[in-house]
Amino acid sequence: MWSNKELAAEVEAILSDQSARNWSIVLYNDDINTFDWVIDCLVKYCNHDVVQAEQCAYFVHTKGKYAVKFGDKIKLKPICETLQEKGLSASLEKISNE
C-alpha cells in the first residue's frame, strides 16, 4: 500500500515525464503511402515546411523509420493519432537518455 506522499511523488513523476520534451513521433516506411501523401501529412499536421517534409519522407523511405517531430507527450499524442488515422505508420516513442 502506498502512502499519500509516495502516491503524490509517483503522480508528479508521471506528469513530469509526459510534459518533458523527450518524446518523438516516429514514422515508419510502408508500401502503401505515396511520398506526396506523407509530405502533405507532415506539412499539414506536423507544421513542417515542404523541404523539411520532403527530407523526412526521404529518410523514412531509406532508413525504414525516422523521428519526424519532437516534444512533450501531451502535445505529440494527438498529432501522432491523426497521422495514424490518415493511414501513416506512426508511433509515439520516448527518447532514451542512455
PDB file of N, CA and C in Angstrom:
ATOM      1  N   MET A   1       0.835  -1.183   0.000  1.00  0.00           N
ATOM      2  CA  MET A   1       0.000   0.000   0.000  1.00  0.00           C
ATOM      3  C   MET A   1       0.880   1.246   0.000  1.00  0.00           C
ATOM      4  N   TRP A   2       0.506   2.189  -0.811  1.00  0.00           N
ATOM      5  CA  TRP A   2       1.295   3.414  -0.934  1.00  0.00           C
ATOM      6  C   TRP A   2       0.803   4.473   0.043  1.00  0.00           C
ATOM      7  N   SER A   3       1.727   5.223   0.568  1.00  0.00           N
ATOM      8  CA  SER A   3       1.347   6.364   1.396  1.00  0.00           C
ATOM      9  C   SER A   3       0.954   7.508   0.463  1.00  0.00           C
ATOM     10  N   ASN A   4       0.291   8.507   1.007  1.00  0.00           N
ATOM     11  CA  ASN A   4      -0.098   9.670   0.211  1.00  0.00           C
ATOM     12  C   ASN A   4       1.126  10.362  -0.374  1.00  0.00           C
ATOM     13  N   LYS A   5       2.212  10.402   0.391  1.00  0.00           N
ATOM     14  CA  LYS A   5       3.440  11.046  -0.075  1.00  0.00           C
ATOM     15  C   LYS A   5       4.030  10.269  -1.253  1.00  0.00           C
ATOM     16  N   GLU A   6       4.057   8.937  -1.163  1.00  0.00           N
ATOM     17  CA  GLU A   6       4.584   8.113  -2.254  1.00  0.00           C
ATOM     18  C   GLU A   6       3.714   8.232  -3.499  1.00  0.00           C
ATOM     19  N   LEU A   7       2.409   8.226  -3.308  1.00  0.00           N
ATOM     20  CA  LEU A   7       1.477   8.352  -4.430  1.00  0.00           C
ATOM     21  C   LEU A   7       1.634   9.711  -5.100  1.00  0.00           C
ATOM     22  N   ALA A   8       1.748  10.777  -4.334  1.00  0.00           N
ATOM     23  CA  ALA A   8       1.933  12.114  -4.890  1.00  0.00           C
ATOM     24  C   ALA A   8       3.245  12.197  -5.672  1.00  0.00           C
ATOM     25  N   ALA A   9       4.295  11.582  -5.156  1.00  0.00           N
ATOM     26  CA  ALA A   9       5.588  11.586  -5.847  1.00  0.00           C
ATOM     27  C   ALA A   9       5.489  10.814  -7.159  1.00  0.00           C
ATOM     28  N   GLU A  10       4.786   9.703  -7.170  1.00  0.00           N
ATOM     29  CA  GLU A  10       4.625   8.901  -8.386  1.00  0.00           C
ATOM     30  C   GLU A  10       3.814   9.666  -9.435  1.00  0.00           C
ATOM     31  N   VAL A  11       2.724  10.308  -9.026  1.00  0.00           N
ATOM     32  CA  VAL A  11       1.913  11.102  -9.948  1.00  0.00           C
ATOM     33  C   VAL A  11       2.740  12.252 -10.517  1.00  0.00           C
ATOM     34  N   GLU A  12       3.512  12.924  -9.673  1.00  0.00           N
ATOM     35  CA  GLU A  12       4.357  14.025 -10.144  1.00  0.00           C
ATOM     36  C   GLU A  12       5.394  13.534 -11.152  1.00  0.00           C
ATOM     37  N   ALA A  13       5.968  12.360 -10.909  1.00  0.00           N
ATOM     38  CA  ALA A  13       6.961  11.801 -11.834  1.00  0.00           C
ATOM     39  C   ALA A  13       6.336  11.477 -13.182  1.00  0.00           C
ATOM     40  N   ILE A  14       5.132  10.930 -13.168  1.00  0.00           N
ATOM     41  CA  ILE A  14       4.439  10.595 -14.418  1.00  0.00           C
ATOM     42  C   ILE A  14       4.114  11.861 -15.205  1.00  0.00           C
ATOM     43  N   LEU A  15       3.558  12.857 -14.541  1.00  0.00           N
ATOM     44  CA  LEU A  15       3.207  14.107 -15.216  1.00  0.00           C
ATOM     45  C   LEU A  15       4.442  14.827 -15.725  1.00  0.00           C
ATOM     46  N   SER A  16       5.503  14.796 -14.950  1.00  0.00           N
ATOM     47  CA  SER A  16       6.748  15.436 -15.371  1.00  0.00           C
ATOM     48  C   SER A  16       7.304  14.755 -16.614  1.00  0.00           C
ATOM     49  N   ASP A  17       7.246  13.432 -16.649  1.00  0.00           N
ATOM     50  CA  ASP A  17       7.737  12.677 -17.803  1.00  0.00           C
ATOM     51  C   ASP A  17       6.916  12.991 -19.043  1.00  0.00           C
ATOM     52  N   GLN A  18       5.608  13.115 -18.907  1.00  0.00           N
ATOM     53  CA  GLN A  18       4.749  13.379 -20.058  1.00  0.00           C
ATOM     54  C   GLN A  18       4.908  14.799 -20.569  1.00  0.00           C
ATOM     55  N   SER A  19       5.269  15.719 -19.698  1.00  0.00           N
ATOM     56  CA  SER A  19       5.408  17.099 -20.146  1.00  0.00           C
ATOM     57  C   SER A  19       6.855  17.431 -20.527  1.00  0.00           C
ATOM     58  N   ALA A  20       7.773  16.518 -20.276  1.00  0.00           N
ATOM     59  CA  ALA A  20       9.160  16.735 -20.680  1.00  0.00           C
ATOM     60  C   ALA A  20       9.261  16.624 -22.199  1.00  0.00           C
ATOM     61  N   ARG A  21      10.198  17.322 -22.752  1.00  0.00           N
ATOM     62  CA  ARG A  21      10.371  17.327 -24.212  1.00  0.00           C
ATOM     63  C   ARG A  21      11.267  16.179 -24.648  1.00  0.00           C
ATOM     64  N   ASN A  22      10.959  14.989 -24.159  1.00  0.00           N
ATOM     65  CA  ASN A  22      11.782  13.840 -24.503  1.00  0.00           C
ATOM     66  C   ASN A  22      10.954  12.743 -25.198  1.00  0.00           C
ATOM     67  N   TRP A  23      10.057  13.174 -26.058  1.00  0.00           N
ATOM     68  CA  TRP A  23       9.230  12.255 -26.834  1.00  0.00           C
ATOM     69  C   TRP A  23       9.362  12.595 -28.313  1.00  0.00           C
ATOM     70  N   SER A  24       9.103  11.610 -29.153  1.00  0.00           N
ATOM     71  CA  SER A  24       9.141  11.854 -30.590  1.00  0.00           C
ATOM     72  C   SER A  24       8.045  11.064 -31.282  1.00  0.00           C
ATOM     73  N   ILE A  25       7.627  11.578 -32.429  1.00  0.00           N
ATOM     74  CA  ILE A  25       6.759  10.818 -33.321  1.00  0.00           C
ATOM     75  C   ILE A  25       7.680  10.168 -34.340  1.00  0.00           C
ATOM     76  N   VAL A  26       7.642   8.852 -34.367  1.00  0.00           N
ATOM     77  CA  VAL A  26       8.466   8.096 -35.306  1.00  0.00           C
ATOM     78  C   VAL A  26       7.560   7.602 -36.423  1.00  0.00           C
ATOM     79  N   LEU A  27       7.957   7.911 -37.640  1.00  0.00           N
ATOM     80  CA  LEU A  27       7.209   7.499 -38.824  1.00  0.00           C
ATOM     81  C   LEU A  27       7.942   6.324 -39.446  1.00  0.00           C
ATOM     82  N   TYR A  28       7.197   5.284 -39.820  1.00  0.00           N
ATOM     83  CA  TYR A  28       7.767   4.068 -40.387  1.00  0.00           C
ATOM     84  C   TYR A  28       7.437   3.968 -41.869  1.00  0.00           C
ATOM     85  N   ASN A  29       8.370   3.415 -42.619  1.00  0.00           N
ATOM     86  CA  ASN A  29       8.169   3.201 -44.044  1.00  0.00           C
ATOM     87  C   ASN A  29       7.106   2.131 -44.264  1.00  0.00           C
ATOM     88  N   ASP A  30       6.340   2.281 -45.309  1.00  0.00           N
ATOM     89  CA  ASP A  30       5.373   1.258 -45.710  1.00  0.00           C
ATOM     90  C   ASP A  30       5.286   1.237 -47.226  1.00  0.00           C
ATOM     91  N   ASP A  31       4.585   0.264 -47.735  1.00  0.00           N
ATOM     92  CA  ASP A  31       4.425   0.133 -49.186  1.00  0.00           C
ATOM     93  C   ASP A  31       3.078   0.666 -49.659  1.00  0.00           C
ATOM     94  N   ILE A  32       2.400   1.404 -48.805  1.00  0.00           N
ATOM     95  CA  ILE A  32       1.042   1.851 -49.109  1.00  0.00           C
ATOM     96  C   ILE A  32       0.995   3.332 -49.486  1.00  0.00           C
ATOM     97  N   ASN A  33       1.617   4.167 -48.648  1.00  0.00           N
ATOM     98  CA  ASN A  33       1.507   5.617 -48.810  1.00  0.00           C
ATOM     99  C   ASN A  33       2.534   6.163 -49.795  1.00  0.00           C
ATOM    100  N   THR A  34       2.104   7.136 -50.594  1.00  0.00           N
ATOM    101  CA  THR A  34       2.994   7.771 -51.555  1.00  0.00           C
ATOM    102  C   THR A  34       3.823   8.852 -50.864  1.00  0.00           C
ATOM    103  N   PHE A  35       4.923   9.231 -51.512  1.00  0.00           N
ATOM    104  CA  PHE A  35       5.732  10.328 -50.994  1.00  0.00           C
ATOM    105  C   PHE A  35       4.883  11.581 -50.847  1.00  0.00           C
ATOM    106  N   ASP A  36       4.067  11.875 -51.851  1.00  0.00           N
ATOM    107  CA  ASP A  36       3.252  13.091 -51.812  1.00  0.00           C
ATOM    108  C   ASP A  36       2.299  13.096 -50.621  1.00  0.00           C
ATOM    109  N   TRP A  37       1.699  11.949 -50.335  1.00  0.00           N
ATOM    110  CA  TRP A  37       0.762  11.863 -49.211  1.00  0.00           C
ATOM    111  C   TRP A  37       1.492  12.073 -47.887  1.00  0.00           C
ATOM    112  N   VAL A  38       2.643  11.426 -47.725  1.00  0.00           N
ATOM    113  CA  VAL A  38       3.428  11.583 -46.496  1.00  0.00           C
ATOM    114  C   VAL A  38       3.841  13.046 -46.336  1.00  0.00           C
ATOM    115  N   ILE A  39       4.326  13.651 -47.398  1.00  0.00           N
ATOM    116  CA  ILE A  39       4.741  15.051 -47.352  1.00  0.00           C
ATOM    117  C   ILE A  39       3.564  15.950 -46.990  1.00  0.00           C
ATOM    118  N   ASP A  40       2.412  15.736 -47.635  1.00  0.00           N
ATOM    119  CA  ASP A  40       1.221  16.533 -47.326  1.00  0.00           C
ATOM    120  C   ASP A  40       0.842  16.419 -45.850  1.00  0.00           C
ATOM    121  N   CYS A  41       0.880  15.207 -45.308  1.00  0.00           N
ATOM    122  CA  CYS A  41       0.519  14.999 -43.900  1.00  0.00           C
ATOM    123  C   CYS A  41       1.512  15.668 -42.957  1.00  0.00           C
ATOM    124  N   LEU A  42       2.802  15.576 -43.272  1.00  0.00           N
ATOM    125  CA  LEU A  42       3.807  16.215 -42.427  1.00  0.00           C
ATOM    126  C   LEU A  42       3.661  17.732 -42.438  1.00  0.00           C
ATOM    127  N   VAL A  43       3.344  18.294 -43.582  1.00  0.00           N
ATOM    128  CA  VAL A  43       3.133  19.745 -43.667  1.00  0.00           C
ATOM    129  C   VAL A  43       1.883  20.134 -42.882  1.00  0.00           C
ATOM    130  N   LYS A  44       0.808  19.412 -43.100  1.00  0.00           N
ATOM    131  CA  LYS A  44      -0.480  19.784 -42.501  1.00  0.00           C
ATOM    132  C   LYS A  44      -0.542  19.531 -40.998  1.00  0.00           C
ATOM    133  N   TYR A  45      -0.037  18.392 -40.534  1.00  0.00           N
ATOM    134  CA  TYR A  45      -0.236  18.007 -39.135  1.00  0.00           C
ATOM    135  C   TYR A  45       0.986  18.219 -38.242  1.00  0.00           C
ATOM    136  N   CYS A  46       2.180  18.232 -38.833  1.00  0.00           N
ATOM    137  CA  CYS A  46       3.396  18.440 -38.037  1.00  0.00           C
ATOM    138  C   CYS A  46       3.972  19.839 -38.217  1.00  0.00           C
ATOM    139  N   ASN A  47       3.303  20.651 -39.038  1.00  0.00           N
ATOM    140  CA  ASN A  47       3.737  22.025 -39.298  1.00  0.00           C
ATOM    141  C   ASN A  47       5.137  22.110 -39.905  1.00  0.00           C
ATOM    142  N   HIS A  48       5.485  21.106 -40.710  1.00  0.00           N
ATOM    143  CA  HIS A  48       6.760  21.155 -41.427  1.00  0.00           C
ATOM    144  C   HIS A  48       6.601  22.042 -42.652  1.00  0.00           C
ATOM    145  N   ASP A  49       7.709  22.660 -43.083  1.00  0.00           N
ATOM    146  CA  ASP A  49       7.658  23.288 -44.394  1.00  0.00           C
ATOM    147  C   ASP A  49       7.882  22.174 -45.424  1.00  0.00           C
ATOM    148  N   VAL A  50       7.677  22.474 -46.685  1.00  0.00           N
ATOM    149  CA  VAL A  50       7.721  21.437 -47.718  1.00  0.00           C
ATOM    150  C   VAL A  50       9.093  20.777 -47.786  1.00  0.00           C
ATOM    151  N   VAL A  51      10.156  21.548 -47.696  1.00  0.00           N
ATOM    152  CA  VAL A  51      11.510  20.982 -47.777  1.00  0.00           C
ATOM    153  C   VAL A  51      11.765  20.037 -46.610  1.00  0.00           C
ATOM    154  N   GLN A  52      11.397  20.439 -45.410  1.00  0.00           N
ATOM    155  CA  GLN A  52      11.581  19.592 -44.233  1.00  0.00           C
ATOM    156  C   GLN A  52      10.773  18.304 -44.381  1.00  0.00           C
ATOM    157  N   ALA A  53       9.537  18.415 -44.852  1.00  0.00           N
ATOM    158  CA  ALA A  53       8.689  17.243 -45.035  1.00  0.00           C
ATOM    159  C   ALA A  53       9.277  16.294 -46.080  1.00  0.00           C
ATOM    160  N   GLU A  54       9.811  16.858 -47.168  1.00  0.00           N
ATOM    161  CA  GLU A  54      10.438  16.024 -48.197  1.00  0.00           C
ATOM    162  C   GLU A  54      11.648  15.284 -47.639  1.00  0.00           C
ATOM    163  N   GLN A  55      12.461  15.969 -46.852  1.00  0.00           N
ATOM    164  CA  GLN A  55      13.633  15.335 -46.262  1.00  0.00           C
ATOM    165  C   GLN A  55      13.225  14.216 -45.307  1.00  0.00           C
ATOM    166  N   CYS A  56      12.228  14.469 -44.479  1.00  0.00           N
ATOM    167  CA  CYS A  56      11.755  13.436 -43.553  1.00  0.00           C
ATOM    168  C   CYS A  56      11.224  12.229 -44.318  1.00  0.00           C
ATOM    169  N   ALA A  57      10.439  12.462 -45.364  1.00  0.00           N
ATOM    170  CA  ALA A  57       9.898  11.361 -46.166  1.00  0.00           C
ATOM    171  C   ALA A  57      11.028  10.542 -46.791  1.00  0.00           C
ATOM    172  N   TYR A  58      12.067  11.213 -47.262  1.00  0.00           N
ATOM    173  CA  TYR A  58      13.214  10.519 -47.844  1.00  0.00           C
ATOM    174  C   TYR A  58      13.909   9.657 -46.792  1.00  0.00           C
ATOM    175  N   PHE A  59      14.135  10.206 -45.589  1.00  0.00           N
ATOM    176  CA  PHE A  59      14.780   9.438 -44.525  1.00  0.00           C
ATOM    177  C   PHE A  59      13.928   8.238 -44.114  1.00  0.00           C
ATOM    178  N   VAL A  60      12.617   8.437 -44.011  1.00  0.00           N
ATOM    179  CA  VAL A  60      11.727   7.317 -43.674  1.00  0.00           C
ATOM    180  C   VAL A  60      11.862   6.223 -44.725  1.00  0.00           C
ATOM    181  N   HIS A  61      11.865   6.617 -45.973  1.00  0.00           N
ATOM    182  CA  HIS A  61      11.949   5.650 -47.076  1.00  0.00           C
ATOM    183  C   HIS A  61      13.279   4.900 -47.073  1.00  0.00           C
ATOM    184  N   THR A  62      14.379   5.594 -46.858  1.00  0.00           N
ATOM    185  CA  THR A  62      15.694   4.957 -46.967  1.00  0.00           C
ATOM    186  C   THR A  62      16.146   4.261 -45.686  1.00  0.00           C
ATOM    187  N   LYS A  63      15.731   4.765 -44.542  1.00  0.00           N
ATOM    188  CA  LYS A  63      16.178   4.191 -43.279  1.00  0.00           C
ATOM    189  C   LYS A  63      15.142   3.261 -42.639  1.00  0.00           C
ATOM    190  N   GLY A  64      13.912   3.295 -43.147  1.00  0.00           N
ATOM    191  CA  GLY A  64      12.860   2.444 -42.597  1.00  0.00           C
ATOM    192  C   GLY A  64      12.019   3.121 -41.535  1.00  0.00           C
ATOM    193  N   LYS A  65      12.604   4.093 -40.846  1.00  0.00           N
ATOM    194  CA  LYS A  65      11.870   4.875 -39.849  1.00  0.00           C
ATOM    195  C   LYS A  65      12.646   6.145 -39.581  1.00  0.00           C
ATOM    196  N   TYR A  66      11.921   7.145 -39.069  1.00  0.00           N
ATOM    197  CA  TYR A  66      12.576   8.416 -38.781  1.00  0.00           C
ATOM    198  C   TYR A  66      11.706   9.215 -37.809  1.00  0.00           C
ATOM    199  N   ALA A  67      12.356   9.842 -36.839  1.00  0.00           N
ATOM    200  CA  ALA A  67      11.649  10.707 -35.899  1.00  0.00           C
ATOM    201  C   ALA A  67      11.352  12.025 -36.598  1.00  0.00           C
ATOM    202  N   VAL A  68      10.071  12.309 -36.800  1.00  0.00           N
ATOM    203  CA  VAL A  68       9.673  13.478 -37.590  1.00  0.00           C
ATOM    204  C   VAL A  68       9.263  14.681 -36.749  1.00  0.00           C
ATOM    205  N   LYS A  69       9.058  14.474 -35.442  1.00  0.00           N
ATOM    206  CA  LYS A  69       8.659  15.594 -34.582  1.00  0.00           C
ATOM    207  C   LYS A  69       9.026  15.252 -33.141  1.00  0.00           C
ATOM    208  N   PHE A  70       9.485  16.262 -32.422  1.00  0.00           N
ATOM    209  CA  PHE A  70       9.899  16.096 -31.029  1.00  0.00           C
ATOM    210  C   PHE A  70       9.092  17.034 -30.146  1.00  0.00           C
ATOM    211  N   GLY A  71       8.929  16.636 -28.886  1.00  0.00           N
ATOM    212  CA  GLY A  71       8.228  17.489 -27.942  1.00  0.00           C
ATOM    213  C   GLY A  71       7.772  16.721 -26.737  1.00  0.00           C
ATOM    214  N   ASP A  72       6.755  17.244 -26.079  1.00  0.00           N
ATOM    215  CA  ASP A  72       6.231  16.546 -24.914  1.00  0.00           C
ATOM    216  C   ASP A  72       5.079  15.639 -25.339  1.00  0.00           C
ATOM    217  N   LYS A  73       4.873  14.603 -24.563  1.00  0.00           N
ATOM    218  CA  LYS A  73       3.911  13.561 -24.902  1.00  0.00           C
ATOM    219  C   LYS A  73       2.490  14.110 -25.053  1.00  0.00           C
ATOM    220  N   ILE A  74       2.137  15.030 -24.192  1.00  0.00           N
ATOM    221  CA  ILE A  74       0.773  15.567 -24.199  1.00  0.00           C
ATOM    222  C   ILE A  74       0.465  16.271 -25.524  1.00  0.00           C
ATOM    223  N   LYS A  75       1.429  17.006 -26.064  1.00  0.00           N
ATOM    224  CA  LYS A  75       1.212  17.717 -27.328  1.00  0.00           C
ATOM    225  C   LYS A  75       1.358  16.808 -28.547  1.00  0.00           C
ATOM    226  N   LEU A  76       2.248  15.823 -28.460  1.00  0.00           N
ATOM    227  CA  LEU A  76       2.503  14.961 -29.616  1.00  0.00           C
ATOM    228  C   LEU A  76       1.453  13.873 -29.818  1.00  0.00           C
ATOM    229  N   LYS A  77       0.821  13.436 -28.744  1.00  0.00           N
ATOM    230  CA  LYS A  77      -0.124  12.324 -28.846  1.00  0.00           C
ATOM    231  C   LYS A  77      -1.238  12.570 -29.867  1.00  0.00           C
ATOM    232  N   PRO A  78      -1.936  13.714 -29.833  1.00  0.00           N
ATOM    233  CA  PRO A  78      -2.999  13.916 -30.821  1.00  0.00           C
ATOM    234  C   PRO A  78      -2.473  14.024 -32.251  1.00  0.00           C
ATOM    235  N   ILE A  79      -1.256  14.549 -32.425  1.00  0.00           N
ATOM    236  CA  ILE A  79      -0.671  14.628 -33.764  1.00  0.00           C
ATOM    237  C   ILE A  79      -0.387  13.230 -34.278  1.00  0.00           C
ATOM    238  N   CYS A  80       0.199  12.390 -33.433  1.00  0.00           N
ATOM    239  CA  CYS A  80       0.513  11.012 -33.815  1.00  0.00           C
ATOM    240  C   CYS A  80      -0.764  10.253 -34.160  1.00  0.00           C
ATOM    241  N   GLU A  81      -1.796  10.429 -33.357  1.00  0.00           N
ATOM    242  CA  GLU A  81      -3.072   9.750 -33.619  1.00  0.00           C
ATOM    243  C   GLU A  81      -3.670  10.206 -34.948  1.00  0.00           C
ATOM    244  N   THR A  82      -3.539  11.477 -35.265  1.00  0.00           N
ATOM    245  CA  THR A  82      -4.043  11.982 -36.541  1.00  0.00           C
ATOM    246  C   THR A  82      -3.279  11.361 -37.705  1.00  0.00           C
ATOM    247  N   LEU A  83      -1.959  11.296 -37.589  1.00  0.00           N
ATOM    248  CA  LEU A  83      -1.163  10.661 -38.648  1.00  0.00           C
ATOM    249  C   LEU A  83      -1.589   9.207 -38.847  1.00  0.00           C
ATOM    250  N   GLN A  84      -1.851   8.510 -37.750  1.00  0.00           N
ATOM    251  CA  GLN A  84      -2.315   7.120 -37.833  1.00  0.00           C
ATOM    252  C   GLN A  84      -3.685   7.041 -38.504  1.00  0.00           C
ATOM    253  N   GLU A  85      -4.581   7.964 -38.154  1.00  0.00           N
ATOM    254  CA  GLU A  85      -5.905   7.997 -38.781  1.00  0.00           C
ATOM    255  C   GLU A  85      -5.817   8.255 -40.277  1.00  0.00           C
ATOM    256  N   LYS A  86      -4.772   8.978 -40.693  1.00  0.00           N
ATOM    257  CA  LYS A  86      -4.569   9.271 -42.117  1.00  0.00           C
ATOM    258  C   LYS A  86      -3.857   8.129 -42.833  1.00  0.00           C
ATOM    259  N   GLY A  87      -3.600   7.037 -42.125  1.00  0.00           N
ATOM    260  CA  GLY A  87      -3.039   5.842 -42.739  1.00  0.00           C
ATOM    261  C   GLY A  87      -1.535   5.706 -42.654  1.00  0.00           C
ATOM    262  N   LEU A  88      -0.876   6.623 -41.945  1.00  0.00           N
ATOM    263  CA  LEU A  88       0.570   6.524 -41.813  1.00  0.00           C
ATOM    264  C   LEU A  88       0.932   5.615 -40.637  1.00  0.00           C
ATOM    265  N   SER A  89       2.057   4.938 -40.768  1.00  0.00           N
ATOM    266  CA  SER A  89       2.556   4.089 -39.690  1.00  0.00           C
ATOM    267  C   SER A  89       3.410   4.956 -38.779  1.00  0.00           C
ATOM    268  N   ALA A  90       2.815   5.401 -37.691  1.00  0.00           N
ATOM    269  CA  ALA A  90       3.494   6.311 -36.775  1.00  0.00           C
ATOM    270  C   ALA A  90       3.322   5.813 -35.346  1.00  0.00           C
ATOM    271  N   SER A  91       4.328   6.112 -34.529  1.00  0.00           N
ATOM    272  CA  SER A  91       4.219   5.774 -33.112  1.00  0.00           C
ATOM    273  C   SER A  91       4.840   6.885 -32.279  1.00  0.00           C
ATOM    274  N   LEU A  92       4.374   6.979 -31.062  1.00  0.00           N
ATOM    275  CA  LEU A  92       4.893   7.941 -30.104  1.00  0.00           C
ATOM    276  C   LEU A  92       5.908   7.197 -29.245  1.00  0.00           C
ATOM    277  N   GLU A  93       7.150   7.668 -29.243  1.00  0.00           N
ATOM    278  CA  GLU A  93       8.204   6.948 -28.553  1.00  0.00           C
ATOM    279  C   GLU A  93       8.984   7.881 -27.645  1.00  0.00           C
ATOM    280  N   LYS A  94       9.330   7.348 -26.474  1.00  0.00           N
ATOM    281  CA  LYS A  94      10.145   8.108 -25.532  1.00  0.00           C
ATOM    282  C   LYS A  94      11.595   8.051 -26.001  1.00  0.00           C
ATOM    283  N   ILE A  95      12.256   9.177 -25.937  1.00  0.00           N
ATOM    284  CA  ILE A  95      13.664   9.245 -26.320  1.00  0.00           C
ATOM    285  C   ILE A  95      14.487   8.778 -25.141  1.00  0.00           C
ATOM    286  N   SER A  96      15.318   7.803 -25.387  1.00  0.00           N
ATOM    287  CA  SER A  96      16.158   7.248 -24.333  1.00  0.00           C
ATOM    288  C   SER A  96      17.337   8.172 -24.069  1.00  0.00           C
ATOM    289  N   ASN A  97      17.657   8.351 -22.808  1.00  0.00           N
ATOM    290  CA  ASN A  97      18.813   9.164 -22.439  1.00  0.00           C
ATOM    291  C   ASN A  97      20.059   8.318 -22.251  1.00  0.00           C
ATOM    292  N   GLU A  98      19.970   7.076 -22.622  1.00  0.00           N
ATOM    293  CA  GLU A  98      21.108   6.151 -22.427  1.00  0.00           C
ATOM    294  C   GLU A  98      22.045   6.201 -23.601  1.00  0.00           C
TER     295      GLU A  98
END
